[in-house]
Amino acid sequence: MSGGQQDPISIAFLLGKALIACDAQGEAVAVYRDLLKTVPGNFELHFNLSRALKAEGNFDEALVELIRAKAIFIIAPLSTSHMGIMRKAPPTTNSAGTHRPTVLSGGHSTSRNGVPGPI
């Protein structure tokens, strides 16, 4: 975008995260559902919708969205999205001597295996 303008989808994504942080899950659910109409294949949107639904106590729908997020991430974990670029890093070795893949994130918070942290 020119002139320092932010992508409206990215702004709405951040709004949803802020609403969850402010304990306004109902509004976050609405924001994420609206975004999913525009970007239905984004695992982060499904994941964050799952978090908001769980916080509301809507566990069945939260599980459905979490499963959708996982399915999308497994199919295309190294894809580019409007939220940033995920790229694969060299495998690392854990304390047991086994190799595990590492995914670096383009500004997203992730756990050690590249999947967003627990709900």
N, C-alpha and C. Protein backbone atom coordinates (compact mmCIF):
# COMPACT_ATOMS: atom_id res chain seq x y z
N MET A 1 0.83 -1.18 0.00
CA MET A 1 0.00 0.00 0.00
C MET A 1 0.88 1.25 0.00
N SER A 2 0.43 2.25 -0.65
CA SER A 2 1.22 3.47 -0.73
C SER A 2 0.78 4.46 0.35
N GLY A 3 1.63 5.42 0.61
CA GLY A 3 1.30 6.47 1.54
C GLY A 3 1.23 6.02 2.99
N GLY A 4 1.88 4.89 3.29
CA GLY A 4 1.91 4.42 4.68
C GLY A 4 0.61 3.80 5.14
N GLN A 5 -0.31 3.52 4.23
CA GLN A 5 -1.58 2.91 4.62
C GLN A 5 -1.39 1.43 4.89
N GLN A 6 -2.11 0.93 5.89
CA GLN A 6 -2.09 -0.48 6.24
C GLN A 6 -3.16 -1.22 5.44
N ASP A 7 -2.91 -2.48 5.20
CA ASP A 7 -3.89 -3.36 4.57
C ASP A 7 -5.10 -3.49 5.50
N PRO A 8 -6.32 -3.25 5.02
CA PRO A 8 -7.50 -3.32 5.89
C PRO A 8 -7.69 -4.69 6.54
N ILE A 9 -7.29 -5.75 5.83
CA ILE A 9 -7.41 -7.09 6.40
C ILE A 9 -6.46 -7.24 7.58
N SER A 10 -5.24 -6.75 7.45
CA SER A 10 -4.28 -6.83 8.55
C SER A 10 -4.77 -6.01 9.75
N ILE A 11 -5.34 -4.86 9.49
CA ILE A 11 -5.86 -4.03 10.58
C ILE A 11 -6.99 -4.76 11.30
N ALA A 12 -7.90 -5.36 10.56
CA ALA A 12 -9.00 -6.10 11.18
C ALA A 12 -8.47 -7.30 11.96
N PHE A 13 -7.46 -7.98 11.43
CA PHE A 13 -6.84 -9.10 12.14
C PHE A 13 -6.30 -8.63 13.49
N LEU A 14 -5.58 -7.52 13.49
CA LEU A 14 -5.03 -6.98 14.73
C LEU A 14 -6.15 -6.51 15.68
N LEU A 15 -7.22 -5.98 15.12
CA LEU A 15 -8.37 -5.58 15.93
C LEU A 15 -8.93 -6.79 16.66
N GLY A 16 -9.08 -7.90 15.95
CA GLY A 16 -9.57 -9.13 16.58
C GLY A 16 -8.68 -9.58 17.72
N LYS A 17 -7.35 -9.52 17.52
CA LYS A 17 -6.42 -9.89 18.59
C LYS A 17 -6.56 -8.96 19.79
N ALA A 18 -6.72 -7.67 19.51
CA ALA A 18 -6.88 -6.69 20.60
C ALA A 18 -8.18 -6.93 21.35
N LEU A 19 -9.24 -7.27 20.65
CA LEU A 19 -10.53 -7.54 21.30
C LEU A 19 -10.43 -8.76 22.21
N ILE A 20 -9.73 -9.79 21.77
CA ILE A 20 -9.52 -10.96 22.64
C ILE A 20 -8.75 -10.54 23.88
N ALA A 21 -7.71 -9.75 23.70
CA ALA A 21 -6.90 -9.30 24.84
C ALA A 21 -7.71 -8.45 25.81
N CYS A 22 -8.72 -7.76 25.31
CA CYS A 22 -9.57 -6.89 26.14
C CYS A 22 -10.80 -7.62 26.66
N ASP A 23 -10.81 -8.94 26.51
CA ASP A 23 -11.92 -9.77 27.00
C ASP A 23 -13.24 -9.43 26.31
N ALA A 24 -13.14 -9.09 25.01
CA ALA A 24 -14.33 -8.80 24.21
C ALA A 24 -14.45 -9.86 23.12
N GLN A 25 -14.62 -11.10 23.57
CA GLN A 25 -14.62 -12.24 22.65
C GLN A 25 -15.75 -12.18 21.62
N GLY A 26 -16.92 -11.73 22.03
CA GLY A 26 -18.04 -11.66 21.09
C GLY A 26 -17.72 -10.79 19.90
N GLU A 27 -17.11 -9.65 20.15
CA GLU A 27 -16.73 -8.76 19.07
C GLU A 27 -15.61 -9.36 18.23
N ALA A 28 -14.68 -10.05 18.89
CA ALA A 28 -13.58 -10.70 18.17
C ALA A 28 -14.12 -11.79 17.25
N VAL A 29 -15.09 -12.56 17.75
CA VAL A 29 -15.70 -13.61 16.92
C VAL A 29 -16.30 -12.99 15.67
N ALA A 30 -17.01 -11.89 15.82
CA ALA A 30 -17.63 -11.22 14.66
C ALA A 30 -16.56 -10.73 13.68
N VAL A 31 -15.47 -10.16 14.19
CA VAL A 31 -14.40 -9.67 13.33
C VAL A 31 -13.78 -10.82 12.54
N TYR A 32 -13.46 -11.92 13.23
CA TYR A 32 -12.81 -13.05 12.57
C TYR A 32 -13.74 -13.73 11.57
N ARG A 33 -15.01 -13.87 11.91
CA ARG A 33 -15.95 -14.48 10.95
C ARG A 33 -16.07 -13.62 9.70
N ASP A 34 -16.09 -12.31 9.88
CA ASP A 34 -16.16 -11.41 8.74
C ASP A 34 -14.90 -11.52 7.88
N LEU A 35 -13.72 -11.59 8.53
CA LEU A 35 -12.47 -11.73 7.79
C LEU A 35 -12.40 -13.05 7.03
N LEU A 36 -12.95 -14.10 7.62
CA LEU A 36 -12.90 -15.40 6.97
C LEU A 36 -13.73 -15.43 5.69
N LYS A 37 -14.66 -14.50 5.54
CA LYS A 37 -15.39 -14.39 4.28
C LYS A 37 -14.46 -13.90 3.16
N THR A 38 -13.48 -13.09 3.53
CA THR A 38 -12.53 -12.54 2.57
C THR A 38 -11.31 -13.45 2.39
N VAL A 39 -10.84 -14.03 3.50
CA VAL A 39 -9.62 -14.84 3.48
C VAL A 39 -9.93 -16.18 4.15
N PRO A 40 -10.68 -17.07 3.48
CA PRO A 40 -11.13 -18.29 4.15
C PRO A 40 -10.04 -19.30 4.43
N GLY A 41 -8.92 -19.25 3.76
CA GLY A 41 -7.87 -20.25 3.94
C GLY A 41 -6.75 -19.84 4.85
N ASN A 42 -6.95 -18.85 5.72
CA ASN A 42 -5.88 -18.39 6.59
C ASN A 42 -5.95 -19.10 7.93
N PHE A 43 -4.93 -19.89 8.25
CA PHE A 43 -4.98 -20.68 9.48
C PHE A 43 -4.99 -19.80 10.73
N GLU A 44 -4.33 -18.64 10.69
CA GLU A 44 -4.30 -17.78 11.86
C GLU A 44 -5.69 -17.24 12.20
N LEU A 45 -6.47 -16.94 11.18
CA LEU A 45 -7.83 -16.46 11.43
C LEU A 45 -8.67 -17.55 12.08
N HIS A 46 -8.58 -18.78 11.56
CA HIS A 46 -9.32 -19.89 12.16
C HIS A 46 -8.83 -20.15 13.59
N PHE A 47 -7.52 -20.08 13.79
CA PHE A 47 -6.97 -20.31 15.12
C PHE A 47 -7.45 -19.26 16.11
N ASN A 48 -7.38 -18.00 15.72
CA ASN A 48 -7.81 -16.93 16.63
C ASN A 48 -9.32 -16.95 16.85
N LEU A 49 -10.08 -17.32 15.83
CA LEU A 49 -11.52 -17.50 16.02
C LEU A 49 -11.76 -18.61 17.04
N SER A 50 -11.00 -19.66 16.95
CA SER A 50 -11.10 -20.76 17.92
C SER A 50 -10.83 -20.26 19.34
N ARG A 51 -9.81 -19.44 19.49
CA ARG A 51 -9.49 -18.88 20.82
C ARG A 51 -10.64 -18.05 21.37
N ALA A 52 -11.21 -17.22 20.51
CA ALA A 52 -12.31 -16.35 20.95
C ALA A 52 -13.54 -17.19 21.31
N LEU A 53 -13.84 -18.19 20.50
CA LEU A 53 -14.99 -19.06 20.78
C LEU A 53 -14.79 -19.83 22.08
N LYS A 54 -13.58 -20.31 22.30
CA LYS A 54 -13.28 -21.02 23.55
C LYS A 54 -13.47 -20.11 24.76
N ALA A 55 -12.98 -18.88 24.65
CA ALA A 55 -13.12 -17.93 25.75
C ALA A 55 -14.59 -17.62 26.03
N GLU A 56 -15.44 -17.71 25.01
CA GLU A 56 -16.88 -17.51 25.20
C GLU A 56 -17.55 -18.74 25.81
N GLY A 57 -16.83 -19.85 25.84
CA GLY A 57 -17.41 -21.10 26.34
C GLY A 57 -18.06 -21.93 25.25
N ASN A 58 -17.85 -21.55 24.00
CA ASN A 58 -18.42 -22.27 22.87
C ASN A 58 -17.40 -23.30 22.39
N PHE A 59 -17.25 -24.37 23.16
CA PHE A 59 -16.18 -25.34 22.95
C PHE A 59 -16.34 -26.15 21.67
N ASP A 60 -17.55 -26.51 21.30
CA ASP A 60 -17.75 -27.31 20.08
C ASP A 60 -17.30 -26.53 18.84
N GLU A 61 -17.75 -25.29 18.71
CA GLU A 61 -17.34 -24.48 17.57
C GLU A 61 -15.84 -24.16 17.62
N ALA A 62 -15.33 -23.95 18.82
CA ALA A 62 -13.90 -23.68 18.97
C ALA A 62 -13.08 -24.85 18.46
N LEU A 63 -13.51 -26.06 18.78
CA LEU A 63 -12.80 -27.25 18.31
C LEU A 63 -12.86 -27.36 16.79
N VAL A 64 -14.00 -27.07 16.21
CA VAL A 64 -14.14 -27.12 14.75
C VAL A 64 -13.15 -26.14 14.10
N GLU A 65 -13.08 -24.94 14.62
CA GLU A 65 -12.17 -23.93 14.04
C GLU A 65 -10.71 -24.31 14.26
N LEU A 66 -10.40 -24.90 15.40
CA LEU A 66 -9.03 -25.34 15.67
C LEU A 66 -8.63 -26.45 14.69
N ILE A 67 -9.54 -27.37 14.44
CA ILE A 67 -9.27 -28.44 13.47
C ILE A 67 -9.07 -27.86 12.08
N ARG A 68 -9.88 -26.87 11.71
CA ARG A 68 -9.70 -26.21 10.40
C ARG A 68 -8.34 -25.54 10.31
N ALA A 69 -7.95 -24.84 11.38
CA ALA A 69 -6.65 -24.17 11.40
C ALA A 69 -5.52 -25.19 11.23
N LYS A 70 -5.62 -26.29 11.94
CA LYS A 70 -4.58 -27.33 11.87
C LYS A 70 -4.52 -27.91 10.46
N ALA A 71 -5.67 -28.20 9.86
CA ALA A 71 -5.70 -28.77 8.52
C ALA A 71 -5.06 -27.83 7.51
N ILE A 72 -5.35 -26.55 7.61
CA ILE A 72 -4.76 -25.57 6.69
C ILE A 72 -3.26 -25.49 6.91
N PHE A 73 -2.83 -25.47 8.16
CA PHE A 73 -1.40 -25.35 8.46
C PHE A 73 -0.63 -26.57 7.97
N ILE A 74 -1.21 -27.75 8.12
CA ILE A 74 -0.54 -28.98 7.68
C ILE A 74 -0.42 -29.00 6.16
N ILE A 75 -1.44 -28.54 5.46
CA ILE A 75 -1.43 -28.55 3.99
C ILE A 75 -0.42 -27.54 3.45
N ALA A 76 -0.36 -26.36 4.01
CA ALA A 76 0.51 -25.30 3.47
C ALA A 76 1.20 -24.53 4.58
N PRO A 77 2.08 -25.18 5.36
CA PRO A 77 2.70 -24.48 6.49
C PRO A 77 3.70 -23.41 6.10
N LEU A 78 4.21 -23.46 4.89
CA LEU A 78 5.26 -22.53 4.51
C LEU A 78 4.79 -21.52 3.49
N SER A 79 3.49 -21.30 3.46
CA SER A 79 2.93 -20.39 2.46
C SER A 79 3.04 -18.94 2.90
N THR A 80 2.80 -18.08 1.97
CA THR A 80 2.79 -16.65 2.24
C THR A 80 1.35 -16.22 2.49
N SER A 81 1.15 -15.38 3.47
CA SER A 81 -0.18 -14.85 3.70
C SER A 81 -0.07 -13.34 3.82
N HIS A 82 -1.21 -12.68 3.89
CA HIS A 82 -1.19 -11.23 4.05
C HIS A 82 -0.70 -10.84 5.44
N MET A 83 -0.58 -11.81 6.35
CA MET A 83 -0.13 -11.51 7.72
C MET A 83 1.39 -11.55 7.84
N GLY A 84 2.08 -12.13 6.90
CA GLY A 84 3.53 -12.23 6.99
C GLY A 84 4.01 -13.44 6.21
N ILE A 85 5.28 -13.68 6.25
CA ILE A 85 5.84 -14.80 5.51
C ILE A 85 6.40 -15.80 6.50
N MET A 86 5.97 -17.04 6.36
CA MET A 86 6.53 -18.09 7.20
C MET A 86 7.56 -18.82 6.34
N ARG A 87 8.70 -19.07 6.90
CA ARG A 87 9.74 -19.75 6.15
C ARG A 87 10.38 -20.83 7.01
N LYS A 88 10.88 -21.84 6.36
CA LYS A 88 11.45 -22.97 7.08
C LYS A 88 12.90 -22.67 7.42
N ALA A 89 13.27 -23.02 8.64
CA ALA A 89 14.64 -22.87 9.11
C ALA A 89 15.28 -24.26 9.13
N PRO A 90 16.61 -24.32 9.23
CA PRO A 90 17.25 -25.63 9.32
C PRO A 90 16.75 -26.38 10.55
N PRO A 91 16.68 -27.72 10.46
CA PRO A 91 16.23 -28.49 11.62
C PRO A 91 17.19 -28.29 12.80
N THR A 92 16.66 -28.40 13.98
CA THR A 92 17.47 -28.29 15.18
C THR A 92 17.43 -29.61 15.92
N THR A 93 18.32 -29.77 16.87
CA THR A 93 18.37 -30.98 17.66
C THR A 93 17.96 -30.63 19.08
N ASN A 94 17.05 -31.43 19.64
CA ASN A 94 16.63 -31.17 21.02
C ASN A 94 17.57 -31.89 21.98
N SER A 95 17.32 -31.80 23.27
CA SER A 95 18.21 -32.38 24.27
C SER A 95 18.30 -33.89 24.18
N ALA A 96 17.30 -34.54 23.59
CA ALA A 96 17.33 -35.99 23.43
C ALA A 96 18.12 -36.41 22.20
N GLY A 97 18.59 -35.45 21.42
CA GLY A 97 19.38 -35.76 20.24
C GLY A 97 18.56 -36.02 18.99
N THR A 98 17.24 -35.79 19.07
CA THR A 98 16.41 -36.00 17.89
C THR A 98 16.21 -34.68 17.17
N HIS A 99 16.06 -34.78 15.86
CA HIS A 99 15.86 -33.57 15.06
C HIS A 99 14.40 -33.18 15.05
N ARG A 100 14.15 -31.89 15.04
CA ARG A 100 12.80 -31.39 14.90
C ARG A 100 12.86 -30.18 13.99
N PRO A 101 11.86 -30.04 13.11
CA PRO A 101 11.86 -28.88 12.22
C PRO A 101 11.55 -27.60 13.01
N THR A 102 12.06 -26.52 12.51
CA THR A 102 11.77 -25.22 13.11
C THR A 102 11.19 -24.33 12.04
N VAL A 103 10.16 -23.59 12.38
CA VAL A 103 9.59 -22.64 11.44
C VAL A 103 9.77 -21.26 12.03
N LEU A 104 10.39 -20.41 11.26
CA LEU A 104 10.55 -19.02 11.69
C LEU A 104 9.35 -18.25 11.20
N SER A 105 9.00 -17.23 11.91
CA SER A 105 7.79 -16.50 11.57
C SER A 105 8.13 -15.08 11.19
N GLY A 106 7.35 -14.52 10.30
CA GLY A 106 7.52 -13.14 9.89
C GLY A 106 6.77 -12.21 10.83
N GLY A 107 7.08 -12.26 12.13
CA GLY A 107 6.47 -11.35 13.08
C GLY A 107 5.33 -11.94 13.87
N HIS A 108 5.12 -13.26 13.77
CA HIS A 108 4.03 -13.89 14.50
C HIS A 108 4.58 -14.63 15.70
N SER A 109 3.81 -14.72 16.76
CA SER A 109 4.25 -15.48 17.89
C SER A 109 3.94 -16.95 17.64
N THR A 110 4.96 -17.79 17.77
CA THR A 110 4.78 -19.21 17.53
C THR A 110 5.46 -20.00 18.63
N SER A 111 5.05 -21.24 18.77
CA SER A 111 5.73 -22.13 19.69
C SER A 111 6.93 -22.71 18.96
N ARG A 112 7.63 -23.63 19.59
CA ARG A 112 8.85 -24.18 19.01
C ARG A 112 8.63 -24.87 17.68
N ASN A 113 7.50 -25.46 17.45
CA ASN A 113 7.29 -26.19 16.20
C ASN A 113 6.63 -25.35 15.12
N GLY A 114 6.49 -24.05 15.34
CA GLY A 114 5.97 -23.17 14.31
C GLY A 114 4.46 -23.00 14.33
N VAL A 115 3.78 -23.72 15.23
CA VAL A 115 2.34 -23.60 15.34
C VAL A 115 2.05 -22.59 16.44
N PRO A 116 1.06 -21.74 16.26
CA PRO A 116 0.74 -20.78 17.31
C PRO A 116 0.57 -21.47 18.66
N GLY A 117 0.93 -20.77 19.72
CA GLY A 117 0.89 -21.33 21.07
C GLY A 117 -0.46 -21.88 21.44
N PRO A 118 -0.53 -22.57 22.58
CA PRO A 118 -1.77 -23.23 22.99
C PRO A 118 -2.90 -22.26 23.26
N ILE A 119 -4.09 -22.78 23.14
CA ILE A 119 -5.29 -21.97 23.41
C ILE A 119 -5.41 -21.79 24.90
